[in-house]
Amino acid sequence: MDAEFWLQRWQDKQTGFHLQEVRDLFSSRWSIRRVYDEDILAREPRFRERGLSRMNEKVYLLNKQ
């Protein structure tokens, strides 16, 4: 997926899941551990040029309890 895809998602306010949503959906049966967290705005200058001030990519590992 390219930067334009994510910019459109951001403009449509459909930018993915947040940790609380992940916990609400899965914590009763799954352990949740963040395994990756990176500020990716620096590598996508078009987002900053259009006014975005923060963009983080996070990956969670879910293990069945």
N, C-alpha and C. Protein backbone atom coordinates (compact mmCIF):
# COMPACT_ATOMS: atom_id res chain seq x y z
N MET A 1 0.84 -1.18 0.00
CA MET A 1 0.00 0.00 0.00
C MET A 1 0.88 1.24 0.00
N ASP A 2 0.47 2.22 -0.74
CA ASP A 2 1.29 3.42 -0.83
C ASP A 2 0.76 4.53 0.07
N ALA A 3 1.49 5.62 0.08
CA ALA A 3 1.16 6.75 0.95
C ALA A 3 -0.21 7.34 0.62
N GLU A 4 -0.57 7.37 -0.65
CA GLU A 4 -1.87 7.94 -1.03
C GLU A 4 -3.04 7.14 -0.43
N PHE A 5 -2.88 5.84 -0.36
CA PHE A 5 -3.91 4.99 0.25
C PHE A 5 -4.15 5.42 1.70
N TRP A 6 -3.05 5.57 2.46
CA TRP A 6 -3.18 5.92 3.87
C TRP A 6 -3.63 7.36 4.06
N LEU A 7 -3.22 8.25 3.18
CA LEU A 7 -3.70 9.62 3.27
C LEU A 7 -5.21 9.67 3.08
N GLN A 8 -5.72 8.92 2.11
CA GLN A 8 -7.17 8.89 1.90
C GLN A 8 -7.88 8.29 3.11
N ARG A 9 -7.32 7.22 3.68
CA ARG A 9 -7.91 6.62 4.89
C ARG A 9 -7.94 7.64 6.03
N TRP A 10 -6.86 8.40 6.19
CA TRP A 10 -6.79 9.42 7.24
C TRP A 10 -7.85 10.49 7.00
N GLN A 11 -7.99 10.95 5.77
CA GLN A 11 -8.98 11.97 5.45
C GLN A 11 -10.40 11.46 5.69
N ASP A 12 -10.61 10.17 5.48
CA ASP A 12 -11.92 9.56 5.72
C ASP A 12 -12.12 9.14 7.17
N LYS A 13 -11.11 9.41 8.02
CA LYS A 13 -11.12 9.03 9.44
C LYS A 13 -11.29 7.52 9.62
N GLN A 14 -10.61 6.75 8.78
CA GLN A 14 -10.63 5.29 8.85
C GLN A 14 -9.19 4.79 8.89
N THR A 15 -8.54 5.04 10.00
CA THR A 15 -7.10 4.79 10.05
C THR A 15 -6.70 3.54 10.81
N GLY A 16 -7.60 2.64 11.05
CA GLY A 16 -7.20 1.39 11.67
C GLY A 16 -7.65 1.27 13.11
N PHE A 17 -7.03 0.33 13.80
CA PHE A 17 -7.38 0.04 15.17
C PHE A 17 -6.46 0.75 16.13
N HIS A 18 -6.98 1.09 17.28
CA HIS A 18 -6.19 1.63 18.37
C HIS A 18 -6.11 0.56 19.46
N LEU A 19 -5.14 0.66 20.32
CA LEU A 19 -4.90 -0.38 21.32
C LEU A 19 -6.15 -0.70 22.14
N GLN A 20 -6.89 0.30 22.56
CA GLN A 20 -8.07 0.02 23.37
C GLN A 20 -9.09 -0.81 22.60
N GLU A 21 -9.22 -0.56 21.32
CA GLU A 21 -10.13 -1.36 20.50
C GLU A 21 -9.65 -2.81 20.41
N VAL A 22 -8.35 -2.99 20.25
CA VAL A 22 -7.79 -4.34 20.21
C VAL A 22 -8.06 -5.05 21.53
N ARG A 23 -7.79 -4.37 22.63
CA ARG A 23 -8.05 -4.97 23.95
C ARG A 23 -9.52 -5.31 24.14
N ASP A 24 -10.40 -4.39 23.78
CA ASP A 24 -11.84 -4.64 23.94
C ASP A 24 -12.29 -5.86 23.15
N LEU A 25 -11.74 -6.04 21.97
CA LEU A 25 -12.15 -7.15 21.12
C LEU A 25 -11.54 -8.49 21.52
N PHE A 26 -10.29 -8.50 22.00
CA PHE A 26 -9.56 -9.76 22.12
C PHE A 26 -9.06 -10.13 23.50
N SER A 27 -9.01 -9.20 24.45
CA SER A 27 -8.31 -9.49 25.71
C SER A 27 -8.95 -10.58 26.56
N SER A 28 -10.21 -10.89 26.34
CA SER A 28 -10.83 -11.94 27.16
C SER A 28 -10.29 -13.33 26.82
N ARG A 29 -9.75 -13.52 25.63
CA ARG A 29 -9.26 -14.85 25.23
C ARG A 29 -7.84 -14.84 24.68
N TRP A 30 -7.27 -13.66 24.54
CA TRP A 30 -5.95 -13.54 23.93
C TRP A 30 -5.06 -12.64 24.78
N SER A 31 -3.78 -12.99 24.90
CA SER A 31 -2.82 -12.06 25.48
C SER A 31 -2.33 -11.16 24.34
N ILE A 32 -2.08 -9.92 24.67
CA ILE A 32 -1.73 -8.93 23.65
C ILE A 32 -0.39 -8.31 24.01
N ARG A 33 0.53 -8.33 23.03
CA ARG A 33 1.85 -7.74 23.25
C ARG A 33 2.24 -6.93 22.02
N ARG A 34 2.64 -5.68 22.27
CA ARG A 34 3.11 -4.86 21.16
C ARG A 34 4.53 -5.28 20.80
N VAL A 35 4.76 -5.58 19.54
CA VAL A 35 6.08 -6.05 19.10
C VAL A 35 6.77 -5.06 18.17
N TYR A 36 6.05 -4.02 17.76
CA TYR A 36 6.65 -3.04 16.85
C TYR A 36 5.94 -1.71 17.02
N ASP A 37 6.70 -0.64 17.08
CA ASP A 37 6.13 0.70 17.21
C ASP A 37 7.12 1.68 16.59
N GLU A 38 6.72 2.33 15.50
CA GLU A 38 7.63 3.25 14.82
C GLU A 38 6.88 4.50 14.37
N ASP A 39 7.50 5.64 14.56
CA ASP A 39 7.00 6.89 14.01
C ASP A 39 7.41 6.91 12.54
N ILE A 40 6.46 6.79 11.64
CA ILE A 40 6.80 6.66 10.21
C ILE A 40 6.56 7.94 9.42
N LEU A 41 6.24 9.02 10.09
CA LEU A 41 5.98 10.27 9.39
C LEU A 41 7.21 10.77 8.64
N ALA A 42 8.39 10.57 9.20
CA ALA A 42 9.62 11.07 8.57
C ALA A 42 9.86 10.45 7.19
N ARG A 43 9.45 9.22 7.00
CA ARG A 43 9.69 8.58 5.71
C ARG A 43 8.57 8.83 4.69
N GLU A 44 7.54 9.54 5.11
CA GLU A 44 6.43 9.89 4.22
C GLU A 44 6.19 11.40 4.28
N PRO A 45 7.07 12.21 3.68
CA PRO A 45 6.95 13.66 3.80
C PRO A 45 5.65 14.24 3.23
N ARG A 46 5.00 13.53 2.33
CA ARG A 46 3.73 14.04 1.78
C ARG A 46 2.67 14.20 2.86
N PHE A 47 2.68 13.33 3.85
CA PHE A 47 1.70 13.45 4.93
C PHE A 47 1.95 14.73 5.72
N ARG A 48 3.21 15.00 6.06
CA ARG A 48 3.55 16.21 6.81
C ARG A 48 3.19 17.45 5.99
N GLU A 49 3.46 17.42 4.70
CA GLU A 49 3.14 18.54 3.82
C GLU A 49 1.64 18.83 3.81
N ARG A 50 0.84 17.83 4.03
CA ARG A 50 -0.61 18.01 4.03
C ARG A 50 -1.18 18.25 5.43
N GLY A 51 -0.30 18.42 6.41
CA GLY A 51 -0.75 18.82 7.73
C GLY A 51 -0.76 17.75 8.81
N LEU A 52 -0.40 16.54 8.48
CA LEU A 52 -0.37 15.48 9.49
C LEU A 52 0.81 15.72 10.43
N SER A 53 0.57 15.66 11.73
CA SER A 53 1.64 15.93 12.70
C SER A 53 2.21 14.66 13.32
N ARG A 54 1.51 13.54 13.18
CA ARG A 54 1.99 12.30 13.78
C ARG A 54 1.42 11.12 13.00
N MET A 55 2.26 10.11 12.81
CA MET A 55 1.81 8.88 12.16
C MET A 55 2.65 7.73 12.70
N ASN A 56 2.01 6.85 13.42
CA ASN A 56 2.72 5.71 14.02
C ASN A 56 2.20 4.41 13.44
N GLU A 57 3.12 3.49 13.24
CA GLU A 57 2.77 2.14 12.81
C GLU A 57 3.06 1.21 13.98
N LYS A 58 2.08 0.40 14.35
CA LYS A 58 2.23 -0.51 15.48
C LYS A 58 1.76 -1.90 15.08
N VAL A 59 2.44 -2.90 15.62
CA VAL A 59 2.09 -4.29 15.37
C VAL A 59 1.93 -4.97 16.71
N TYR A 60 0.87 -5.73 16.85
CA TYR A 60 0.60 -6.46 18.09
C TYR A 60 0.62 -7.96 17.83
N LEU A 61 1.14 -8.69 18.79
CA LEU A 61 1.13 -10.15 18.74
C LEU A 61 0.05 -10.63 19.70
N LEU A 62 -0.87 -11.44 19.20
CA LEU A 62 -1.93 -12.00 20.02
C LEU A 62 -1.71 -13.49 20.15
N ASN A 63 -1.70 -13.98 21.38
CA ASN A 63 -1.56 -15.41 21.66
C ASN A 63 -2.79 -15.88 22.40
N LYS A 64 -3.35 -16.98 21.94
CA LYS A 64 -4.53 -17.53 22.59
C LYS A 64 -4.17 -17.99 23.99
N GLN A 65 -5.01 -17.64 24.95
CA GLN A 65 -4.77 -18.00 26.35
C GLN A 65 -5.32 -19.37 26.65
